[in-house]
Amino acid sequence: MQVYREILPNSYLVILVESTPAATDAVLLRSALRHASRSGKGQVWLDCSGLSMLPSDMLPILTRYAAWLRRRHTSLVVCHPPATSAGISLEEVSDGTLLIANSLLDAELVASEDISE
């Protein structure tokens, strides 16, 4: 997996792109989310459009970071959600703990709805 980062006016964008599977994929994801959490932005968008599926070891990382960021009044929004390795949608597997947006255009709307709740 390759990870790209972009600081946007209202959010921190992390883009995940599929490459040869490696044991370091989870480490790369944790590192990217750690950098994003330190950015001072109120929203972190995780663009998964470059992934055909989400490896099962990444779901616990995402749910932990989502909860941790939420306690700090920051939203983690997973955009272009891939299916999990079991073929189940990310929404079903996360039991509603992750904010999901079908596109980057929807990410800000999803995050602002979460903040208003």
N, C-alpha and C. Protein backbone atom coordinates (compact mmCIF):
# COMPACT_ATOMS: atom_id res chain seq x y z
N MET A 1 0.85 -1.17 0.00
CA MET A 1 0.00 0.00 0.00
C MET A 1 0.89 1.24 0.00
N GLN A 2 0.44 2.23 -0.71
CA GLN A 2 1.10 3.52 -0.70
C GLN A 2 0.15 4.52 -0.05
N VAL A 3 0.73 5.49 0.65
CA VAL A 3 -0.07 6.49 1.36
C VAL A 3 0.36 7.87 0.89
N TYR A 4 -0.62 8.68 0.54
CA TYR A 4 -0.37 10.07 0.17
C TYR A 4 -1.15 10.96 1.12
N ARG A 5 -0.61 12.12 1.40
CA ARG A 5 -1.27 13.04 2.34
C ARG A 5 -1.41 14.41 1.69
N GLU A 6 -2.51 15.06 2.01
CA GLU A 6 -2.75 16.40 1.48
C GLU A 6 -3.47 17.22 2.56
N ILE A 7 -2.95 18.39 2.85
CA ILE A 7 -3.61 19.27 3.80
C ILE A 7 -4.53 20.19 3.00
N LEU A 8 -5.81 20.10 3.29
CA LEU A 8 -6.83 20.90 2.64
C LEU A 8 -7.28 22.00 3.59
N PRO A 9 -8.02 23.00 3.10
CA PRO A 9 -8.42 24.10 3.98
C PRO A 9 -9.16 23.67 5.25
N ASN A 10 -10.08 22.69 5.12
CA ASN A 10 -10.88 22.29 6.28
C ASN A 10 -10.64 20.87 6.75
N SER A 11 -9.71 20.17 6.10
CA SER A 11 -9.51 18.78 6.46
C SER A 11 -8.10 18.33 6.11
N TYR A 12 -7.79 17.13 6.58
CA TYR A 12 -6.52 16.47 6.26
C TYR A 12 -6.89 15.22 5.48
N LEU A 13 -6.41 15.13 4.25
CA LEU A 13 -6.76 14.03 3.37
C LEU A 13 -5.65 12.99 3.34
N VAL A 14 -6.02 11.74 3.59
CA VAL A 14 -5.09 10.61 3.49
C VAL A 14 -5.62 9.74 2.35
N ILE A 15 -4.76 9.50 1.36
CA ILE A 15 -5.15 8.69 0.20
C ILE A 15 -4.41 7.37 0.25
N LEU A 16 -5.15 6.28 0.23
CA LEU A 16 -4.56 4.94 0.24
C LEU A 16 -4.63 4.36 -1.17
N VAL A 17 -3.50 3.84 -1.64
CA VAL A 17 -3.42 3.27 -2.97
C VAL A 17 -2.86 1.87 -2.87
N GLU A 18 -3.54 0.95 -3.51
CA GLU A 18 -3.13 -0.46 -3.48
C GLU A 18 -1.80 -0.66 -4.20
N SER A 19 -0.99 -1.48 -3.64
CA SER A 19 0.24 -1.93 -4.29
C SER A 19 0.46 -3.36 -3.81
N THR A 20 1.65 -3.85 -3.94
CA THR A 20 1.93 -5.20 -3.48
C THR A 20 1.65 -5.28 -1.98
N PRO A 21 0.85 -6.24 -1.55
CA PRO A 21 0.58 -6.37 -0.12
C PRO A 21 1.88 -6.53 0.67
N ALA A 22 1.93 -5.82 1.78
CA ALA A 22 3.14 -5.88 2.61
C ALA A 22 2.75 -5.94 4.07
N ALA A 23 3.63 -6.47 4.86
CA ALA A 23 3.38 -6.56 6.31
C ALA A 23 3.36 -5.18 6.93
N THR A 24 3.87 -4.19 6.23
CA THR A 24 3.94 -2.84 6.79
C THR A 24 2.71 -2.00 6.49
N ASP A 25 1.71 -2.55 5.81
CA ASP A 25 0.52 -1.77 5.47
C ASP A 25 -0.16 -1.19 6.71
N ALA A 26 -0.32 -1.98 7.75
CA ALA A 26 -0.96 -1.50 8.98
C ALA A 26 -0.11 -0.41 9.63
N VAL A 27 1.20 -0.55 9.57
CA VAL A 27 2.11 0.45 10.14
C VAL A 27 1.97 1.76 9.36
N LEU A 28 1.88 1.67 8.04
CA LEU A 28 1.71 2.87 7.21
C LEU A 28 0.39 3.57 7.53
N LEU A 29 -0.68 2.80 7.71
CA LEU A 29 -1.97 3.39 8.03
C LEU A 29 -1.92 4.09 9.39
N ARG A 30 -1.37 3.42 10.39
CA ARG A 30 -1.25 4.04 11.73
C ARG A 30 -0.45 5.34 11.66
N SER A 31 0.65 5.31 10.94
CA SER A 31 1.50 6.50 10.82
C SER A 31 0.75 7.65 10.15
N ALA A 32 0.03 7.34 9.08
CA ALA A 32 -0.73 8.37 8.37
C ALA A 32 -1.81 8.97 9.27
N LEU A 33 -2.51 8.13 10.02
CA LEU A 33 -3.56 8.63 10.91
C LEU A 33 -2.97 9.42 12.08
N ARG A 34 -1.81 9.01 12.54
CA ARG A 34 -1.13 9.77 13.61
C ARG A 34 -0.76 11.16 13.11
N HIS A 35 -0.20 11.25 11.91
CA HIS A 35 0.13 12.56 11.33
C HIS A 35 -1.12 13.41 11.17
N ALA A 36 -2.18 12.79 10.68
CA ALA A 36 -3.43 13.51 10.47
C ALA A 36 -3.99 14.04 11.79
N SER A 37 -3.89 13.24 12.84
CA SER A 37 -4.42 13.66 14.14
C SER A 37 -3.67 14.84 14.72
N ARG A 38 -2.43 15.02 14.30
CA ARG A 38 -1.60 16.14 14.79
C ARG A 38 -1.71 17.38 13.91
N SER A 39 -2.51 17.30 12.86
CA SER A 39 -2.59 18.39 11.89
C SER A 39 -3.36 19.60 12.40
N GLY A 40 -4.20 19.41 13.40
CA GLY A 40 -5.02 20.50 13.90
C GLY A 40 -6.31 20.69 13.12
N LYS A 41 -6.54 19.85 12.13
CA LYS A 41 -7.77 19.93 11.33
C LYS A 41 -8.90 19.23 12.06
N GLY A 42 -10.12 19.70 11.86
CA GLY A 42 -11.28 19.11 12.51
C GLY A 42 -11.83 17.89 11.82
N GLN A 43 -11.31 17.61 10.62
CA GLN A 43 -11.78 16.46 9.86
C GLN A 43 -10.58 15.75 9.22
N VAL A 44 -10.62 14.43 9.27
CA VAL A 44 -9.64 13.61 8.57
C VAL A 44 -10.42 12.77 7.58
N TRP A 45 -10.06 12.88 6.31
CA TRP A 45 -10.72 12.12 5.26
C TRP A 45 -9.78 11.04 4.79
N LEU A 46 -10.24 9.82 4.78
CA LEU A 46 -9.46 8.68 4.34
C LEU A 46 -10.02 8.20 3.01
N ASP A 47 -9.33 8.52 1.92
CA ASP A 47 -9.79 8.17 0.58
C ASP A 47 -9.31 6.77 0.24
N CYS A 48 -10.26 5.85 0.13
CA CYS A 48 -9.95 4.44 -0.16
C CYS A 48 -10.27 4.06 -1.60
N SER A 49 -10.42 5.04 -2.47
CA SER A 49 -10.79 4.73 -3.86
C SER A 49 -9.71 3.93 -4.58
N GLY A 50 -8.48 3.96 -4.07
CA GLY A 50 -7.40 3.19 -4.66
C GLY A 50 -7.27 1.78 -4.12
N LEU A 51 -8.23 1.35 -3.28
CA LEU A 51 -8.20 0.01 -2.69
C LEU A 51 -9.36 -0.82 -3.24
N SER A 52 -9.09 -2.05 -3.61
CA SER A 52 -10.17 -2.92 -4.04
C SER A 52 -10.86 -3.58 -2.84
N MET A 53 -10.12 -3.75 -1.76
CA MET A 53 -10.70 -4.27 -0.51
C MET A 53 -9.86 -3.79 0.66
N LEU A 54 -10.46 -3.77 1.83
CA LEU A 54 -9.78 -3.35 3.04
C LEU A 54 -9.28 -4.59 3.77
N PRO A 55 -7.97 -4.71 3.97
CA PRO A 55 -7.45 -5.86 4.71
C PRO A 55 -8.06 -5.92 6.12
N SER A 56 -8.36 -7.10 6.58
CA SER A 56 -9.05 -7.26 7.86
C SER A 56 -8.28 -6.69 9.05
N ASP A 57 -6.95 -6.62 8.97
CA ASP A 57 -6.18 -6.08 10.09
C ASP A 57 -6.26 -4.56 10.18
N MET A 58 -6.84 -3.91 9.18
CA MET A 58 -6.94 -2.45 9.20
C MET A 58 -8.23 -1.94 9.84
N LEU A 59 -9.26 -2.77 9.89
CA LEU A 59 -10.52 -2.34 10.49
C LEU A 59 -10.37 -1.95 11.96
N PRO A 60 -9.70 -2.74 12.80
CA PRO A 60 -9.54 -2.32 14.19
C PRO A 60 -8.75 -1.00 14.32
N ILE A 61 -7.80 -0.79 13.43
CA ILE A 61 -7.03 0.46 13.46
C ILE A 61 -7.97 1.63 13.17
N LEU A 62 -8.79 1.48 12.15
CA LEU A 62 -9.72 2.56 11.78
C LEU A 62 -10.72 2.85 12.89
N THR A 63 -11.29 1.82 13.48
CA THR A 63 -12.30 2.05 14.52
C THR A 63 -11.68 2.66 15.77
N ARG A 64 -10.46 2.25 16.12
CA ARG A 64 -9.79 2.85 17.29
C ARG A 64 -9.48 4.32 17.05
N TYR A 65 -8.92 4.63 15.88
CA TYR A 65 -8.61 6.02 15.57
C TYR A 65 -9.88 6.87 15.47
N ALA A 66 -10.94 6.32 14.90
CA ALA A 66 -12.20 7.07 14.81
C ALA A 66 -12.71 7.44 16.19
N ALA A 67 -12.68 6.49 17.12
CA ALA A 67 -13.13 6.76 18.49
C ALA A 67 -12.21 7.76 19.18
N TRP A 68 -10.92 7.59 19.02
CA TRP A 68 -9.93 8.47 19.65
C TRP A 68 -10.07 9.90 19.12
N LEU A 69 -10.21 10.04 17.80
CA LEU A 69 -10.37 11.36 17.20
C LEU A 69 -11.69 12.00 17.61
N ARG A 70 -12.74 11.20 17.68
CA ARG A 70 -14.06 11.74 18.07
C ARG A 70 -14.00 12.36 19.46
N ARG A 71 -13.26 11.72 20.37
CA ARG A 71 -13.11 12.29 21.72
C ARG A 71 -12.37 13.63 21.68
N ARG A 72 -11.63 13.88 20.63
CA ARG A 72 -10.90 15.14 20.45
C ARG A 72 -11.61 16.08 19.48
N HIS A 73 -12.91 15.81 19.26
CA HIS A 73 -13.76 16.63 18.41
C HIS A 73 -13.26 16.72 16.97
N THR A 74 -12.73 15.60 16.49
CA THR A 74 -12.27 15.49 15.11
C THR A 74 -12.97 14.30 14.49
N SER A 75 -13.42 14.47 13.26
CA SER A 75 -14.13 13.40 12.57
C SER A 75 -13.19 12.66 11.62
N LEU A 76 -13.27 11.34 11.63
CA LEU A 76 -12.59 10.50 10.65
C LEU A 76 -13.66 9.98 9.70
N VAL A 77 -13.55 10.35 8.43
CA VAL A 77 -14.52 9.96 7.43
C VAL A 77 -13.83 9.06 6.40
N VAL A 78 -14.35 7.85 6.24
CA VAL A 78 -13.82 6.93 5.23
C VAL A 78 -14.58 7.18 3.94
N CYS A 79 -13.86 7.60 2.90
CA CYS A 79 -14.47 7.92 1.61
C CYS A 79 -14.22 6.78 0.62
N HIS A 80 -15.18 6.57 -0.26
CA HIS A 80 -15.10 5.48 -1.24
C HIS A 80 -14.83 4.16 -0.51
N PRO A 81 -15.72 3.79 0.41
CA PRO A 81 -15.43 2.61 1.25
C PRO A 81 -15.31 1.32 0.45
N PRO A 82 -14.20 0.63 0.63
CA PRO A 82 -14.06 -0.67 -0.03
C PRO A 82 -14.76 -1.75 0.79
N ALA A 83 -14.98 -2.89 0.17
CA ALA A 83 -15.49 -4.04 0.92
C ALA A 83 -14.34 -4.57 1.77
N THR A 84 -14.68 -5.30 2.80
CA THR A 84 -13.65 -5.92 3.62
C THR A 84 -13.18 -7.20 2.94
N SER A 85 -12.14 -7.80 3.47
CA SER A 85 -11.62 -9.03 2.87
C SER A 85 -12.65 -10.16 2.93
N ALA A 86 -13.63 -10.05 3.83
CA ALA A 86 -14.69 -11.05 3.91
C ALA A 86 -15.82 -10.75 2.94
N GLY A 87 -15.71 -9.64 2.20
CA GLY A 87 -16.74 -9.28 1.23
C GLY A 87 -17.91 -8.54 1.82
N ILE A 88 -17.84 -8.15 3.06
CA ILE A 88 -18.91 -7.43 3.75
C ILE A 88 -18.61 -5.93 3.67
N SER A 89 -19.65 -5.13 3.59
CA SER A 89 -19.43 -3.69 3.49
C SER A 89 -18.83 -3.16 4.80
N LEU A 90 -18.05 -2.11 4.64
CA LEU A 90 -17.40 -1.48 5.79
C LEU A 90 -18.42 -0.95 6.79
N GLU A 91 -19.55 -0.47 6.30
CA GLU A 91 -20.60 0.04 7.18
C GLU A 91 -21.14 -1.05 8.10
N GLU A 92 -21.35 -2.24 7.54
CA GLU A 92 -21.86 -3.36 8.34
C GLU A 92 -20.85 -3.83 9.38
N VAL A 93 -19.61 -3.95 8.96
CA VAL A 93 -18.58 -4.48 9.84
C VAL A 93 -18.26 -3.53 10.99
N SER A 94 -18.31 -2.24 10.74
CA SER A 94 -17.93 -1.28 11.77
C SER A 94 -19.06 -0.98 12.75
N ASP A 95 -20.24 -1.53 12.51
CA ASP A 95 -21.39 -1.31 13.39
C ASP A 95 -21.67 0.16 13.65
N GLY A 96 -21.47 0.98 12.62
CA GLY A 96 -21.77 2.40 12.75
C GLY A 96 -20.71 3.23 13.45
N THR A 97 -19.59 2.64 13.80
CA THR A 97 -18.55 3.41 14.50
C THR A 97 -17.75 4.29 13.55
N LEU A 98 -17.76 3.96 12.26
CA LEU A 98 -17.03 4.76 11.28
C LEU A 98 -18.00 5.64 10.51
N LEU A 99 -17.58 6.85 10.21
CA LEU A 99 -18.34 7.71 9.33
C LEU A 99 -17.96 7.33 7.90
N ILE A 100 -18.95 7.13 7.07
CA ILE A 100 -18.73 6.66 5.70
C ILE A 100 -19.30 7.68 4.74
N ALA A 101 -18.51 8.02 3.70
CA ALA A 101 -18.98 8.89 2.63
C ALA A 101 -18.69 8.20 1.31
N ASN A 102 -19.64 8.27 0.41
CA ASN A 102 -19.45 7.61 -0.88
C ASN A 102 -18.44 8.33 -1.76
N SER A 103 -18.19 9.60 -1.49
CA SER A 103 -17.23 10.37 -2.28
C SER A 103 -16.58 11.43 -1.40
N LEU A 104 -15.53 12.02 -1.91
CA LEU A 104 -14.89 13.12 -1.19
C LEU A 104 -15.82 14.32 -1.10
N LEU A 105 -16.67 14.50 -2.08
CA LEU A 105 -17.62 15.61 -2.05
C LEU A 105 -18.61 15.46 -0.89
N ASP A 106 -18.92 14.23 -0.53
CA ASP A 106 -19.85 13.98 0.57
C ASP A 106 -19.18 14.01 1.94
N ALA A 107 -17.88 13.96 1.99
CA ALA A 107 -17.16 13.82 3.26
C ALA A 107 -17.44 14.96 4.22
N GLU A 108 -17.43 16.17 3.73
CA GLU A 108 -17.67 17.31 4.62
C GLU A 108 -19.08 17.30 5.18
N LEU A 109 -20.05 16.90 4.35
CA LEU A 109 -21.43 16.81 4.82
C LEU A 109 -21.57 15.77 5.92
N VAL A 110 -20.96 14.61 5.71
CA VAL A 110 -21.03 13.53 6.70
C VAL A 110 -20.37 13.98 8.01
N ALA A 111 -19.22 14.62 7.91
CA ALA A 111 -18.52 15.08 9.11
C ALA A 111 -19.31 16.17 9.84
N SER A 112 -19.91 17.07 9.11
CA SER A 112 -20.67 18.15 9.77
C SER A 112 -21.93 17.60 10.42
N GLU A 113 -22.55 16.58 9.85
CA GLU A 113 -23.70 15.94 10.49
C GLU A 113 -23.29 15.26 11.79
N ASP A 114 -22.10 14.66 11.81
CA ASP A 114 -21.60 13.99 13.01
C ASP A 114 -21.35 15.00 14.13
N ILE A 115 -20.82 16.14 13.80
CA ILE A 115 -20.51 17.17 14.79
C ILE A 115 -21.79 17.73 15.39
N SER A 116 -22.84 17.87 14.56
CA SER A 116 -24.08 18.46 15.04
C SER A 116 -24.90 17.52 15.93
N GLU A 117 -24.55 16.24 15.94
CA GLU A 117 -25.31 15.26 16.75
C GLU A 117 -24.99 15.37 18.21
